[in-house]
Amino acid sequence: MHTVEPGQPIAQKLKSLSFRNVDLLSCMHQKLFKILEERRTHNVGLESLIFQSCRAPSRTRKSDFEGLVKKVTWGNVVEIGSDSGETETEETDESDSDGF
């Protein structure tokens, strides 16, 4: 992933983005966040963002993305990198998933 250079068109037709069974590492999280911020700034924000059965840094939360995307689905996301060494799972109701 890379951020858009000035004057470079943004993929305006992209409406939904899904991540399934992916490790959302800290550097990837930061790049994704910056891209979503740019899209919102240029009025081409995503309709939905789905994280399903992924692993994410313990400081990553659904609320990080809610201001950047209209609908965020956050299901069965496992926290990695916590100080205690334990993992936690945050689940949401599956009925709000688009089925992508």
N, C-alpha and C. Protein backbone atom coordinates (compact mmCIF):
# COMPACT_ATOMS: atom_id res chain seq x y z
N MET A 1 0.83 -1.18 0.00
CA MET A 1 0.00 0.00 0.00
C MET A 1 0.88 1.24 0.00
N HIS A 2 0.42 2.26 -0.66
CA HIS A 2 1.11 3.54 -0.62
C HIS A 2 0.09 4.66 -0.62
N THR A 3 0.53 5.80 -0.14
CA THR A 3 -0.37 6.94 -0.14
C THR A 3 -0.34 7.60 -1.51
N VAL A 4 -1.35 8.35 -1.80
CA VAL A 4 -1.48 8.98 -3.11
C VAL A 4 -0.59 10.20 -3.18
N GLU A 5 0.12 10.31 -4.28
CA GLU A 5 0.96 11.48 -4.53
C GLU A 5 0.05 12.62 -4.99
N PRO A 6 0.44 13.86 -4.75
CA PRO A 6 -0.37 14.99 -5.23
C PRO A 6 -0.59 14.90 -6.74
N GLY A 7 -1.81 15.10 -7.17
CA GLY A 7 -2.13 15.04 -8.58
C GLY A 7 -2.46 13.65 -9.09
N GLN A 8 -2.20 12.62 -8.31
CA GLN A 8 -2.50 11.24 -8.71
C GLN A 8 -3.95 10.93 -8.35
N PRO A 9 -4.72 10.37 -9.29
CA PRO A 9 -6.13 10.07 -8.98
C PRO A 9 -6.28 8.98 -7.92
N ILE A 10 -7.30 9.12 -7.10
CA ILE A 10 -7.63 8.13 -6.08
C ILE A 10 -8.64 7.17 -6.68
N ALA A 11 -8.57 5.90 -6.33
CA ALA A 11 -9.51 4.89 -6.84
C ALA A 11 -10.91 5.20 -6.31
N GLN A 12 -11.62 6.05 -7.04
CA GLN A 12 -12.91 6.54 -6.58
C GLN A 12 -13.98 5.46 -6.55
N LYS A 13 -13.86 4.43 -7.38
CA LYS A 13 -14.90 3.41 -7.46
C LYS A 13 -14.83 2.41 -6.31
N LEU A 14 -13.74 2.39 -5.57
CA LEU A 14 -13.60 1.48 -4.45
C LEU A 14 -14.56 1.91 -3.34
N LYS A 15 -15.50 1.03 -2.99
CA LYS A 15 -16.50 1.36 -1.98
C LYS A 15 -16.38 0.53 -0.72
N SER A 16 -15.82 -0.69 -0.86
CA SER A 16 -15.73 -1.60 0.27
C SER A 16 -14.37 -2.29 0.27
N LEU A 17 -13.84 -2.50 1.46
CA LEU A 17 -12.55 -3.17 1.60
C LEU A 17 -12.67 -4.17 2.73
N SER A 18 -12.27 -5.43 2.46
CA SER A 18 -12.38 -6.50 3.46
C SER A 18 -11.01 -7.09 3.75
N PHE A 19 -10.76 -7.34 5.02
CA PHE A 19 -9.58 -8.07 5.46
C PHE A 19 -10.06 -9.28 6.23
N ARG A 20 -9.64 -10.45 5.79
CA ARG A 20 -10.00 -11.70 6.47
C ARG A 20 -8.74 -12.52 6.68
N ASN A 21 -8.58 -13.02 7.91
CA ASN A 21 -7.44 -13.87 8.26
C ASN A 21 -6.11 -13.19 7.94
N VAL A 22 -5.99 -11.93 8.33
CA VAL A 22 -4.79 -11.14 8.06
C VAL A 22 -4.21 -10.65 9.38
N ASP A 23 -2.88 -10.60 9.46
CA ASP A 23 -2.22 -9.97 10.59
C ASP A 23 -2.06 -8.49 10.25
N LEU A 24 -2.79 -7.65 10.94
CA LEU A 24 -2.75 -6.21 10.72
C LEU A 24 -1.64 -5.64 11.60
N LEU A 25 -0.42 -5.71 11.11
CA LEU A 25 0.73 -5.25 11.88
C LEU A 25 0.70 -3.74 12.03
N SER A 26 1.47 -3.25 12.97
CA SER A 26 1.46 -1.82 13.30
C SER A 26 1.74 -0.94 12.10
N CYS A 27 2.75 -1.30 11.29
CA CYS A 27 3.09 -0.46 10.13
C CYS A 27 1.96 -0.49 9.10
N MET A 28 1.33 -1.65 8.92
CA MET A 28 0.21 -1.75 7.99
C MET A 28 -0.98 -0.93 8.50
N HIS A 29 -1.23 -0.99 9.79
CA HIS A 29 -2.31 -0.22 10.40
C HIS A 29 -2.11 1.27 10.13
N GLN A 30 -0.91 1.77 10.33
CA GLN A 30 -0.62 3.19 10.11
C GLN A 30 -0.80 3.59 8.66
N LYS A 31 -0.34 2.75 7.72
CA LYS A 31 -0.48 3.06 6.29
C LYS A 31 -1.96 3.06 5.89
N LEU A 32 -2.70 2.07 6.36
CA LEU A 32 -4.12 2.00 6.05
C LEU A 32 -4.85 3.21 6.59
N PHE A 33 -4.53 3.60 7.82
CA PHE A 33 -5.14 4.77 8.43
C PHE A 33 -4.88 6.03 7.61
N LYS A 34 -3.64 6.22 7.15
CA LYS A 34 -3.29 7.40 6.35
C LYS A 34 -4.03 7.40 5.01
N ILE A 35 -4.14 6.23 4.38
CA ILE A 35 -4.85 6.14 3.10
C ILE A 35 -6.33 6.48 3.28
N LEU A 36 -6.93 5.94 4.34
CA LEU A 36 -8.34 6.22 4.60
C LEU A 36 -8.56 7.69 4.93
N GLU A 37 -7.61 8.29 5.62
CA GLU A 37 -7.69 9.73 5.91
C GLU A 37 -7.65 10.55 4.62
N GLU A 38 -6.75 10.19 3.72
CA GLU A 38 -6.64 10.89 2.44
C GLU A 38 -7.91 10.74 1.62
N ARG A 39 -8.46 9.53 1.59
CA ARG A 39 -9.70 9.30 0.84
C ARG A 39 -10.82 10.17 1.39
N ARG A 40 -10.92 10.23 2.72
CA ARG A 40 -11.96 11.06 3.34
C ARG A 40 -11.74 12.53 3.00
N THR A 41 -10.50 12.98 3.05
CA THR A 41 -10.16 14.36 2.73
C THR A 41 -10.56 14.72 1.31
N HIS A 42 -10.44 13.76 0.39
CA HIS A 42 -10.78 13.99 -1.02
C HIS A 42 -12.22 13.59 -1.34
N ASN A 43 -13.04 13.39 -0.31
CA ASN A 43 -14.46 13.03 -0.46
C ASN A 43 -14.69 11.76 -1.27
N VAL A 44 -13.82 10.78 -1.12
CA VAL A 44 -14.00 9.47 -1.76
C VAL A 44 -13.81 8.37 -0.71
N GLY A 45 -14.36 8.61 0.47
CA GLY A 45 -14.24 7.64 1.56
C GLY A 45 -14.95 6.33 1.22
N LEU A 46 -14.59 5.30 1.96
CA LEU A 46 -15.19 3.98 1.76
C LEU A 46 -16.57 3.91 2.40
N GLU A 47 -17.43 3.09 1.80
CA GLU A 47 -18.74 2.80 2.38
C GLU A 47 -18.58 1.83 3.55
N SER A 48 -17.75 0.78 3.36
CA SER A 48 -17.58 -0.19 4.44
C SER A 48 -16.16 -0.73 4.49
N LEU A 49 -15.75 -1.07 5.70
CA LEU A 49 -14.44 -1.67 5.97
C LEU A 49 -14.70 -2.85 6.89
N ILE A 50 -14.21 -4.02 6.49
CA ILE A 50 -14.49 -5.25 7.25
C ILE A 50 -13.18 -5.88 7.70
N PHE A 51 -13.10 -6.17 9.00
CA PHE A 51 -12.01 -6.95 9.57
C PHE A 51 -12.64 -8.19 10.17
N GLN A 52 -12.35 -9.35 9.61
CA GLN A 52 -12.95 -10.60 10.08
C GLN A 52 -11.84 -11.62 10.32
N SER A 53 -11.81 -12.18 11.52
CA SER A 53 -10.84 -13.21 11.89
C SER A 53 -9.41 -12.74 11.64
N CYS A 54 -9.11 -11.52 12.03
CA CYS A 54 -7.78 -10.94 11.85
C CYS A 54 -7.07 -10.85 13.20
N ARG A 55 -5.78 -10.58 13.13
CA ARG A 55 -4.99 -10.29 14.33
C ARG A 55 -4.49 -8.86 14.20
N ALA A 56 -4.65 -8.09 15.28
CA ALA A 56 -4.28 -6.68 15.25
C ALA A 56 -3.55 -6.30 16.53
N PRO A 57 -2.68 -5.28 16.48
CA PRO A 57 -2.02 -4.81 17.69
C PRO A 57 -3.03 -4.44 18.76
N SER A 58 -2.69 -4.64 20.02
CA SER A 58 -3.63 -4.42 21.12
C SER A 58 -4.17 -3.00 21.17
N ARG A 59 -3.45 -2.04 20.65
CA ARG A 59 -3.93 -0.65 20.68
C ARG A 59 -4.86 -0.33 19.51
N THR A 60 -5.02 -1.25 18.56
CA THR A 60 -5.90 -1.03 17.42
C THR A 60 -7.33 -1.33 17.82
N ARG A 61 -8.22 -0.41 17.52
CA ARG A 61 -9.63 -0.56 17.89
C ARG A 61 -10.52 -0.24 16.70
N LYS A 62 -11.71 -0.75 16.74
CA LYS A 62 -12.72 -0.46 15.73
C LYS A 62 -12.93 1.05 15.62
N SER A 63 -12.94 1.72 16.75
CA SER A 63 -13.19 3.17 16.77
C SER A 63 -12.11 3.96 16.02
N ASP A 64 -10.91 3.39 15.84
CA ASP A 64 -9.86 4.07 15.07
C ASP A 64 -10.33 4.36 13.65
N PHE A 65 -11.16 3.47 13.10
CA PHE A 65 -11.57 3.57 11.71
C PHE A 65 -12.97 4.16 11.53
N GLU A 66 -13.75 4.24 12.59
CA GLU A 66 -15.14 4.66 12.48
C GLU A 66 -15.31 6.08 11.96
N GLY A 67 -14.39 6.97 12.25
CA GLY A 67 -14.49 8.33 11.74
C GLY A 67 -14.06 8.48 10.29
N LEU A 68 -13.43 7.43 9.76
CA LEU A 68 -12.89 7.49 8.40
C LEU A 68 -13.74 6.74 7.38
N VAL A 69 -14.56 5.80 7.86
CA VAL A 69 -15.36 4.93 6.99
C VAL A 69 -16.79 4.93 7.52
N LYS A 70 -17.76 4.88 6.61
CA LYS A 70 -19.16 4.92 7.03
C LYS A 70 -19.55 3.74 7.91
N LYS A 71 -19.14 2.51 7.53
CA LYS A 71 -19.53 1.32 8.29
C LYS A 71 -18.31 0.44 8.50
N VAL A 72 -18.02 0.12 9.76
CA VAL A 72 -16.90 -0.75 10.10
C VAL A 72 -17.45 -2.01 10.74
N THR A 73 -17.06 -3.16 10.19
CA THR A 73 -17.41 -4.45 10.78
C THR A 73 -16.15 -5.03 11.38
N TRP A 74 -16.21 -5.36 12.65
CA TRP A 74 -15.04 -5.79 13.42
C TRP A 74 -15.41 -7.10 14.10
N GLY A 75 -15.13 -8.23 13.46
CA GLY A 75 -15.56 -9.51 14.00
C GLY A 75 -14.41 -10.47 14.24
N ASN A 76 -14.38 -11.02 15.44
CA ASN A 76 -13.39 -12.04 15.81
C ASN A 76 -11.97 -11.55 15.58
N VAL A 77 -11.68 -10.31 15.99
CA VAL A 77 -10.34 -9.75 15.86
C VAL A 77 -9.58 -10.06 17.14
N VAL A 78 -8.41 -10.68 16.99
CA VAL A 78 -7.59 -11.10 18.13
C VAL A 78 -6.48 -10.08 18.33
N GLU A 79 -6.30 -9.66 19.57
CA GLU A 79 -5.24 -8.71 19.89
C GLU A 79 -3.91 -9.44 19.99
N ILE A 80 -2.86 -8.82 19.41
CA ILE A 80 -1.51 -9.34 19.52
C ILE A 80 -0.61 -8.26 20.10
N GLY A 81 0.45 -8.69 20.75
CA GLY A 81 1.42 -7.75 21.26
C GLY A 81 1.06 -7.10 22.58
N SER A 82 0.14 -7.71 23.34
CA SER A 82 -0.19 -7.13 24.65
C SER A 82 0.94 -7.43 25.63
N ASP A 83 1.05 -6.62 26.66
CA ASP A 83 2.11 -6.79 27.65
C ASP A 83 1.98 -8.09 28.43
N SER A 84 0.76 -8.53 28.64
CA SER A 84 0.55 -9.73 29.45
C SER A 84 0.82 -11.01 28.68
N GLY A 85 0.92 -10.91 27.35
CA GLY A 85 1.16 -12.10 26.54
C GLY A 85 -0.11 -12.85 26.21
N GLU A 86 -1.24 -12.43 26.79
CA GLU A 86 -2.51 -13.07 26.48
C GLU A 86 -3.16 -12.37 25.32
N THR A 87 -4.04 -13.08 24.62
CA THR A 87 -4.79 -12.46 23.54
C THR A 87 -6.23 -12.31 23.94
N GLU A 88 -6.86 -11.29 23.40
CA GLU A 88 -8.27 -11.04 23.67
C GLU A 88 -8.99 -10.99 22.34
N THR A 89 -10.25 -11.31 22.36
CA THR A 89 -11.05 -11.28 21.15
C THR A 89 -12.20 -10.32 21.32
N GLU A 90 -12.39 -9.47 20.35
CA GLU A 90 -13.53 -8.56 20.35
C GLU A 90 -14.42 -8.98 19.19
N GLU A 91 -15.68 -9.27 19.49
CA GLU A 91 -16.59 -9.73 18.45
C GLU A 91 -17.75 -8.77 18.32
N THR A 92 -18.30 -8.72 17.13
CA THR A 92 -19.50 -7.94 16.88
C THR A 92 -20.56 -8.85 16.34
N ASP A 93 -21.78 -8.37 16.33
CA ASP A 93 -22.90 -9.14 15.79
C ASP A 93 -22.68 -9.37 14.30
N GLU A 94 -22.71 -10.61 13.87
CA GLU A 94 -22.47 -10.96 12.48
C GLU A 94 -23.58 -10.49 11.56
N SER A 95 -24.74 -10.11 12.11
CA SER A 95 -25.86 -9.73 11.26
C SER A 95 -25.61 -8.42 10.52
N ASP A 96 -24.61 -7.61 10.94
CA ASP A 96 -24.37 -6.37 10.22
C ASP A 96 -23.33 -6.55 9.11
N SER A 97 -22.85 -7.75 8.89
CA SER A 97 -21.89 -8.01 7.83
C SER A 97 -22.58 -8.03 6.47
N ASP A 98 -21.88 -7.54 5.47
CA ASP A 98 -22.40 -7.48 4.11
C ASP A 98 -22.35 -8.83 3.42
N GLY A 99 -21.62 -9.78 3.98
CA GLY A 99 -21.47 -11.08 3.37
C GLY A 99 -20.39 -11.14 2.31
N PHE A 100 -19.49 -10.14 2.30
CA PHE A 100 -18.40 -10.15 1.33
C PHE A 100 -17.39 -11.19 1.71
